[in-house]
Protein backbone atom coordinates (compact mmCIF):
# COMPACT_ATOMS: atom_id res chain seq x y z
CA MET A 1 -80.94 58.93 83.00
CA THR A 2 -80.89 61.02 85.95
CA LEU A 3 -80.43 60.27 89.62
CA HIS A 4 -84.50 61.18 89.98
CA ASP A 5 -85.53 58.32 87.56
CA THR A 6 -83.02 55.89 89.41
CA THR A 7 -84.40 56.64 92.45
CA ILE A 8 -88.19 56.08 91.80
CA ALA A 9 -88.12 53.37 89.41
CA PRO A 10 -90.51 50.33 90.47
CA ASP A 11 -88.82 47.18 91.00
CA PRO A 12 -91.72 45.13 88.61
CA GLY A 13 -91.15 42.00 90.73
CA ALA A 14 -91.36 43.81 94.14
CA GLN A 15 -95.21 43.71 94.48
CA SER A 16 -94.80 39.66 94.13
CA ARG A 17 -92.44 39.22 95.96
CA SER A 18 -94.13 40.66 98.94
CA LEU A 19 -96.78 37.93 98.86
CA PRO A 20 -96.35 34.97 100.94
CA THR A 21 -95.45 32.38 98.92
CA PRO A 22 -98.70 30.36 99.38
CA LEU A 23 -100.27 32.79 98.11
CA ARG A 24 -97.74 33.43 95.11
CA ILE A 25 -98.30 29.87 94.16
CA LEU A 26 -102.19 30.34 94.27
CA ALA A 27 -101.57 33.06 92.16
CA LEU A 28 -99.31 31.75 89.96
CA LEU A 29 -101.79 28.49 89.70
CA ALA A 30 -105.12 31.34 89.01
CA LEU A 31 -103.13 32.91 85.92
CA LEU A 32 -102.14 29.97 84.54
CA TRP A 33 -105.68 28.75 84.33
CA VAL A 34 -106.31 32.44 82.54
CA PHE A 35 -103.51 31.47 80.16
CA LEU A 36 -104.46 28.14 79.24
CA PHE A 37 -107.93 29.56 78.82
CA ALA A 38 -107.14 32.44 76.81
CA ILE A 39 -104.87 29.87 74.63
CA ALA A 40 -108.21 27.47 74.41
CA LEU A 41 -110.72 30.68 73.36
CA MET A 42 -108.49 31.71 70.98
CA GLY A 43 -108.72 28.64 69.14
CA THR A 44 -112.26 28.28 69.52
CA ALA A 45 -112.77 32.00 68.08
CA PHE A 46 -110.43 30.53 64.89
CA LYS A 47 -112.57 28.01 64.17
CA VAL A 48 -115.65 29.82 64.55
CA PHE A 49 -114.46 31.64 61.24
CA GLY A 50 -111.88 29.42 59.71
CA LYS A 51 -112.97 25.93 59.68
CA ASP A 52 -114.96 25.86 56.48
CA PHE A 53 -112.20 28.37 54.63
CA SER A 54 -109.88 25.57 55.93
CA GLU A 55 -111.59 22.62 54.90
CA ALA A 56 -112.50 24.14 51.37
CA LEU A 57 -108.91 24.94 50.87
CA ILE A 58 -107.43 21.75 51.19
CA THR A 59 -110.34 20.12 49.27
CA THR A 60 -108.80 21.82 45.64
CA THR A 61 -105.37 21.45 45.85
CA THR A 62 -103.54 19.39 43.63
CA ASN A 63 -99.84 20.99 43.27
CA PRO A 64 -97.85 19.73 46.09
CA VAL A 65 -95.94 23.29 46.77
CA ILE A 66 -99.83 24.93 46.91
CA GLY A 67 -100.57 21.66 49.19
CA LEU A 68 -97.67 22.79 51.79
CA MET A 69 -99.22 26.54 51.82
CA ILE A 70 -102.97 25.26 52.41
CA GLY A 71 -101.35 23.77 55.39
CA LEU A 72 -99.37 25.76 56.24
CA LEU A 73 -102.33 28.42 55.93
CA ALA A 74 -105.21 26.10 56.77
CA THR A 75 -103.43 25.38 60.27
CA SER A 76 -102.42 29.27 60.93
CA ILE A 77 -106.04 29.67 60.83
CA ILE A 78 -107.54 27.75 63.09
CA GLN A 79 -104.52 27.15 65.37
CA SER A 80 -104.70 23.08 65.72
CA SER A 81 -102.40 20.77 63.19
CA SER A 82 -104.75 18.06 64.68
CA GLY A 83 -107.82 19.97 63.53
CA THR A 84 -105.93 20.31 59.71
CA THR A 85 -104.79 16.69 60.15
CA SER A 86 -108.44 15.17 61.03
CA ILE A 87 -110.08 16.98 57.75
CA VAL A 88 -106.95 15.66 55.59
CA VAL A 89 -107.96 12.16 57.43
CA GLY A 90 -111.85 12.67 56.58
CA LEU A 91 -111.33 13.32 52.90
CA VAL A 92 -108.54 10.46 52.39
CA ALA A 93 -111.14 8.37 54.13
CA ALA A 94 -113.61 9.78 51.66
CA ASP A 95 -111.31 9.38 48.37
CA ALA A 96 -111.13 12.72 48.12
CA LEU A 97 -107.82 13.05 48.70
CA THR A 98 -104.62 10.78 47.71
CA VAL A 99 -102.11 10.12 50.72
CA SER A 100 -99.79 11.58 48.57
CA GLY A 101 -101.81 14.73 48.09
CA ALA A 102 -102.32 14.37 51.57
CA ILE A 103 -98.40 14.25 52.78
CA PRO A 104 -97.36 17.88 51.72
CA ILE A 105 -100.26 19.45 53.73
CA ILE A 106 -99.28 17.85 56.65
CA MET A 107 -95.90 19.01 56.55
CA GLY A 108 -97.44 22.41 56.10
CA ALA A 109 -99.72 21.56 59.06
CA ASN A 110 -96.99 20.97 60.96
CA MET A 111 -95.11 24.61 60.46
CA GLY A 112 -98.56 26.21 60.76
CA THR A 113 -99.41 25.02 64.35
CA THR A 114 -96.41 27.12 65.80
CA VAL A 115 -97.82 30.55 65.17
CA THR A 116 -99.81 30.31 68.63
CA ASN A 117 -96.25 30.30 69.96
CA THR A 118 -95.59 33.41 68.38
CA ILE A 119 -98.60 34.92 69.56
CA VAL A 120 -97.57 34.35 72.92
CA ALA A 121 -94.31 36.02 72.74
CA MET A 122 -95.57 38.91 71.48
CA GLY A 123 -96.89 39.35 74.72
CA SER A 124 -93.64 40.48 75.92
CA MET A 125 -93.18 43.18 73.51
CA ASN A 126 -93.07 45.97 76.05
CA ARG A 127 -90.09 44.05 78.05
CA ARG A 128 -87.03 44.30 75.54
CA THR A 129 -84.80 41.72 76.85
CA GLU A 130 -87.59 39.27 78.09
CA PHE A 131 -89.23 39.90 74.63
CA ARG A 132 -85.67 39.08 72.73
CA ARG A 133 -85.79 35.39 74.82
CA ALA A 134 -89.15 34.82 74.21
CA PHE A 135 -89.35 35.39 70.57
CA ALA A 136 -86.52 33.23 70.02
CA GLY A 137 -87.69 30.71 72.31
CA ALA A 138 -90.87 30.71 69.80
CA THR A 139 -89.12 31.03 66.40
CA MET A 140 -86.62 27.87 67.03
CA HIS A 141 -90.27 26.24 66.27
CA ASP A 142 -90.54 27.63 63.09
CA PHE A 143 -86.92 27.02 62.02
CA PHE A 144 -86.86 23.41 62.72
CA ASN A 145 -90.07 22.55 61.12
CA LEU A 146 -88.77 25.14 57.98
CA LEU A 147 -85.05 23.25 58.00
CA THR A 148 -86.95 20.15 58.02
CA ILE A 149 -89.48 20.74 55.14
CA ILE A 150 -86.43 22.10 52.88
CA VAL A 151 -85.08 18.48 53.34
CA LEU A 152 -87.59 16.56 53.49
CA PHE A 153 -90.13 17.82 51.08
CA PRO A 154 -88.07 17.20 47.94
CA LEU A 155 -86.95 13.61 49.22
CA GLU A 156 -90.51 12.54 49.73
CA MET A 157 -91.48 14.42 46.46
CA SER A 158 -88.58 12.08 44.61
CA THR A 159 -88.70 8.79 46.89
CA HIS A 160 -92.09 8.56 48.43
CA TYR A 161 -90.19 7.05 51.25
CA LEU A 162 -92.75 8.70 53.59
CA GLU A 163 -95.63 7.22 52.10
CA ARG A 164 -94.26 3.53 51.31
CA THR A 165 -92.94 3.15 54.89
CA ALA A 166 -96.24 4.76 56.57
CA THR A 167 -98.41 2.87 54.36
CA TRP A 168 -96.30 -0.55 55.15
CA LEU A 169 -96.51 0.39 58.86
CA SER A 170 -100.43 1.01 58.57
CA SER A 171 -100.98 -2.67 57.15
CA HIS A 172 -99.57 -3.90 60.28
CA LEU A 173 -101.20 -1.75 62.70
CA VAL A 174 -105.12 -1.35 61.68
CA GLY A 175 -107.52 -2.87 63.84
CA ALA A 176 -105.40 -2.27 66.97
CA GLN A 177 -107.02 -1.26 70.20
CA SER A 178 -107.23 2.72 70.03
CA LEU A 179 -106.91 5.02 72.86
CA GLU A 180 -109.54 7.53 73.86
CA TYR A 181 -107.80 10.15 76.57
CA HIS A 182 -109.39 13.11 78.02
CA SER A 183 -107.31 16.09 78.14
CA PRO A 184 -107.58 17.33 82.21
CA VAL A 185 -105.98 20.61 80.66
CA LYS A 186 -109.29 20.46 78.16
CA ALA A 187 -111.41 19.32 80.86
CA ILE A 188 -110.44 22.50 83.12
CA VAL A 189 -110.98 25.46 80.62
CA LYS A 190 -113.45 23.94 78.34
CA PRO A 191 -116.68 24.88 80.68
CA ALA A 192 -115.30 28.39 80.79
CA THR A 193 -114.85 28.77 76.75
CA LYS A 194 -118.24 27.04 76.33
CA ALA A 195 -119.92 29.53 78.81
CA LEU A 196 -118.56 32.55 77.34
CA ASP A 197 -119.19 30.99 73.64
CA HIS A 198 -123.12 30.56 75.00
CA LEU A 199 -123.11 34.09 76.50
CA LEU A 200 -122.36 35.43 73.58
CA THR A 201 -124.29 33.67 71.20
CA ASP A 202 -127.70 33.37 72.90
CA GLY A 203 -127.39 35.90 75.67
CA LEU A 204 -125.81 38.61 73.42
CA GLY A 205 -127.23 37.09 69.66
CA LEU A 206 -123.82 37.59 68.14
CA SER A 207 -123.67 35.74 64.75
CA GLY A 208 -120.62 33.32 64.03
CA SER A 209 -118.29 35.37 62.84
CA ILE A 210 -118.77 38.31 65.12
CA ASN A 211 -119.02 35.72 67.88
CA GLY A 212 -115.63 34.80 66.78
CA ILE A 213 -113.78 37.79 66.43
CA VAL A 214 -115.16 39.05 69.90
CA MET A 215 -113.51 35.95 71.19
CA LEU A 216 -110.96 36.66 69.57
CA ILE A 217 -110.42 39.75 71.07
CA PHE A 218 -111.29 38.70 74.69
CA SER A 219 -108.84 35.94 74.55
CA LEU A 220 -105.72 37.73 73.12
CA VAL A 221 -106.46 40.38 76.07
CA CYS A 222 -106.56 37.07 78.54
CA LEU A 223 -103.12 36.10 77.03
CA PHE A 224 -101.24 39.46 77.27
CA GLY A 225 -102.49 40.15 80.63
CA ALA A 226 -101.35 36.94 82.00
CA LEU A 227 -98.38 36.57 80.34
CA THR A 228 -97.32 40.20 82.03
CA LEU A 229 -98.05 38.87 85.61
CA LEU A 230 -96.82 35.10 85.00
CA THR A 231 -92.76 36.15 84.04
CA LYS A 232 -93.17 38.09 87.38
CA LEU A 233 -94.25 35.69 89.25
CA MET A 234 -92.57 32.85 87.76
CA ARG A 235 -89.26 35.06 89.36
CA SER A 236 -90.09 34.66 92.34
CA VAL A 237 -91.89 31.43 92.87
CA VAL A 238 -88.68 29.44 90.73
CA VAL A 239 -86.20 29.77 93.61
CA ARG A 240 -82.56 29.62 92.36
CA ARG A 241 -82.02 26.46 93.14
CA ALA A 242 -85.09 24.53 91.39
CA GLU A 243 -83.83 26.60 88.66
CA GLY A 244 -80.25 25.44 88.70
CA ALA A 245 -81.68 21.74 88.74
CA PHE A 246 -84.13 22.34 85.94
CA ASN A 247 -81.30 23.75 83.38
CA LYS A 248 -78.87 21.16 84.56
CA ASN A 249 -81.43 18.08 84.14
CA ILE A 250 -82.97 19.82 80.93
CA ALA A 251 -80.19 21.66 79.37
CA ASN A 252 -77.70 18.62 79.56
CA ASN A 253 -79.77 15.94 78.64
CA GLY A 254 -81.72 16.86 75.19
CA ILE A 255 -83.11 12.80 75.66
CA LEU A 256 -84.77 13.64 79.13
CA GLY A 257 -86.00 17.13 77.76
CA MET A 258 -87.86 15.24 74.71
CA ILE A 259 -89.36 12.64 76.82
CA LEU A 260 -90.76 15.84 79.12
CA GLY A 261 -91.94 17.09 76.07
CA LEU A 262 -93.62 14.27 74.24
CA MET A 263 -95.53 13.21 77.76
CA VAL A 264 -96.85 16.47 78.59
CA THR A 265 -98.00 16.77 74.99
CA VAL A 266 -99.47 13.28 75.26
CA LEU A 267 -100.98 14.52 78.79
CA VAL A 268 -102.64 17.73 77.44
CA GLN A 269 -103.35 16.31 73.97
CA SER A 270 -101.86 19.61 72.64
CA SER A 271 -98.24 20.35 71.27
CA SER A 272 -99.53 24.04 71.25
CA ILE A 273 -99.98 24.24 74.70
CA THR A 274 -96.79 22.72 75.41
CA THR A 275 -94.38 25.18 73.27
CA SER A 276 -96.82 28.03 74.31
CA LEU A 277 -95.95 27.29 78.12
CA LEU A 278 -92.26 27.44 77.31
CA VAL A 279 -92.12 30.49 75.78
CA PRO A 280 -92.85 32.56 78.84
CA LEU A 281 -90.46 30.26 81.05
CA ILE A 282 -87.67 31.64 78.71
CA GLY A 283 -88.09 34.94 78.29
CA ALA A 284 -88.33 35.02 82.16
CA GLY A 285 -84.96 32.96 81.93
CA ILE A 286 -85.45 30.51 83.83
CA ILE A 287 -85.13 27.56 80.94
CA PRO A 288 -82.23 28.21 78.61
CA LEU A 289 -83.18 28.08 74.51
CA GLU A 290 -80.96 24.83 74.44
CA GLY A 291 -82.83 22.97 76.85
CA ALA A 292 -86.45 24.09 75.74
CA PHE A 293 -85.49 23.29 72.00
CA ALA A 294 -85.19 19.59 73.66
CA VAL A 295 -88.80 19.75 75.05
CA THR A 296 -90.24 21.15 71.76
CA LEU A 297 -89.14 18.74 69.77
CA GLY A 298 -90.60 16.11 72.48
CA ALA A 299 -93.85 18.03 71.59
CA ASN A 300 -93.73 17.65 68.48
CA LEU A 301 -93.48 14.12 68.39
CA GLY A 302 -96.37 13.82 71.59
CA THR A 303 -99.04 15.82 69.34
CA THR A 304 -98.50 12.66 66.49
CA VAL A 305 -98.58 9.94 69.05
CA THR A 306 -101.83 10.89 69.94
CA ALA A 307 -103.28 11.76 67.18
CA LEU A 308 -101.98 7.76 65.90
CA LEU A 309 -103.52 5.98 69.23
CA ALA A 310 -106.64 7.59 67.87
CA SER A 311 -106.59 6.42 64.64
CA LEU A 312 -105.84 2.93 65.35
CA ALA A 313 -108.88 1.31 65.03
CA GLY A 314 -109.77 3.27 61.52
CA ASN A 315 -108.87 2.30 58.25
CA ASN A 316 -105.62 2.46 56.26
CA ALA A 317 -105.87 6.03 55.20
CA ALA A 318 -106.33 6.97 58.39
CA VAL A 319 -103.96 5.35 60.28
CA THR A 320 -101.00 6.14 57.45
CA VAL A 321 -101.48 10.23 57.25
CA ALA A 322 -101.24 9.73 61.24
CA LEU A 323 -97.76 8.01 60.53
CA VAL A 324 -96.82 10.13 58.06
CA HIS A 325 -97.26 13.28 60.68
CA LEU A 326 -95.29 11.22 62.96
CA LEU A 327 -92.57 9.78 60.93
CA PHE A 328 -91.69 13.40 59.26
CA ASN A 329 -91.00 14.78 62.48
CA ILE A 330 -88.85 11.68 63.74
CA SER A 331 -87.00 11.95 60.74
CA GLY A 332 -86.60 15.88 61.28
CA ILE A 333 -84.87 15.12 64.76
CA LEU A 334 -82.60 12.61 63.33
CA ILE A 335 -81.27 14.69 60.69
CA PHE A 336 -80.86 17.69 63.06
CA TYR A 337 -80.67 16.92 66.78
CA PRO A 338 -77.72 14.33 66.88
CA PHE A 339 -74.68 16.65 65.46
CA LYS A 340 -74.65 19.83 67.33
CA PRO A 341 -73.30 21.90 64.58
CA LEU A 342 -76.55 21.00 62.42
CA ARG A 343 -78.37 21.53 65.97
CA MET A 344 -77.52 24.63 66.79
CA ILE A 345 -78.53 26.13 63.33
CA PRO A 346 -82.49 26.56 64.51
CA LEU A 347 -81.13 28.21 67.31
CA ARG A 348 -78.84 30.35 66.03
CA LEU A 349 -81.61 31.38 63.33
CA ALA A 350 -83.53 32.29 66.22
CA ARG A 351 -81.38 34.05 68.39
CA MET A 352 -80.53 36.57 64.91
CA LEU A 353 -84.14 37.09 64.15
CA ALA A 354 -85.03 37.58 67.77
CA MET A 355 -81.81 40.38 68.10
CA ARG A 356 -83.48 42.08 64.87
CA THR A 357 -86.69 42.13 66.37
CA SER A 358 -86.14 43.17 69.45
CA ARG A 359 -84.38 46.60 67.86
CA ASN A 360 -88.02 46.65 65.98
CA ARG A 361 -90.66 45.12 67.86
CA TRP A 362 -93.64 45.76 65.34
CA PHE A 363 -91.32 43.44 62.79
CA ALA A 364 -92.73 40.28 64.97
CA LEU A 365 -96.21 41.06 63.89
CA TYR A 366 -94.50 41.42 60.25
CA TYR A 367 -93.24 37.88 60.89
CA MET A 368 -96.10 36.39 62.10
CA MET A 369 -98.84 37.71 59.24
CA GLY A 370 -96.49 37.67 56.53
CA LEU A 371 -94.88 33.71 56.93
CA PHE A 372 -98.33 32.33 58.18
CA PHE A 373 -100.77 34.34 56.36
CA VAL A 374 -99.48 36.04 53.63
CA LEU A 375 -96.52 34.37 52.25
CA PRO A 376 -98.93 31.34 51.98
CA LEU A 377 -102.25 33.11 50.51
CA ILE A 378 -100.15 34.69 47.63
CA PHE A 379 -99.48 30.90 46.35
CA VAL A 380 -102.88 30.18 46.65
CA LEU A 381 -104.29 32.72 45.07
CA ILE A 382 -101.82 32.87 42.09
CA SER A 383 -102.61 29.35 41.78
CA ARG A 384 -105.93 29.80 41.79
CA ALA A 385 -105.55 32.43 38.84
CA LEU A 386 -103.43 30.11 37.00
CA GLY A 387 -106.03 27.38 37.28
CA SER A 388 -108.94 29.14 36.11
CA ALA A 389 -106.97 30.99 32.80
CA SER A 390 -105.62 27.53 32.01
């Protein structure tokens, strides 16, 4: 690098630091709204052209391994483990799917919901160091879920402990008072997503699939644009004292981090929102990976608690499926989190993958498409081919 290069290189945070603090906070809130709007719009776009396909996939599963892959693929397509769980609950309640058949799908759904984190992390691809941290923050969730599946899937297939425990608990909970709660985040961004959907369908006359593609492209533009500015502003708004206090309280107190993740997720009714908000904070160096991991595990629990509370007034099938999801995540936490050597495995794997990806940043796209879409789709197609041949 020449002297001329160093003298003219712009400071990426200079412009944001030149703004008065109140304006920086307002700009941060505005960018946060755009970020949340983009995630909500992206979910709406995927549902437009993916929900019927996902439901058709789920209704045809019989093999547990294929059920696992279908849960992963279906949730990756509609970007909502709650959406997949709702479909599964409906099918179980209608006797179109057994609880045993539903459990692998729930495990796969738990994995598939993390695809949103990877998409968010890719918003930092043009900033190598930030991207490495953000990608590690996104994929630690993948590795935790993958390791939990590796341990619990064969255990469940041989002992059916999740099914038996959930069935026993549901027999004592069915008929209890359910809780209906409206997410404030959805209330803030839903009018804008509905207005855009109405404009595209009624105003411009776009068909369902074309409408979904346009919304997806627009959501990605908003997401990556908001992320670029968010990380710059967060560095200037989050002062060192607040950053240090946050790191001390969260990084060194895993239980507190889990409680925070659980409460935020129950409040916003989406683990994807909670974990996606963590990714740019990790990328900006504001939250350490270890502290964010505890918050992520709490978010995993939060999304299952919300579904469970909503299902309590339903039938045994609805409550049993919701309890399986809860017990699966609790079991994973109890296996991996209390013991530091085990707790560090998903973090080390995430850091290794992030280091590899930072050297070839397009590898992030290959990873996301391969793990969440291509691999499960190959399994499903092979299963269909074998089924047709027999």
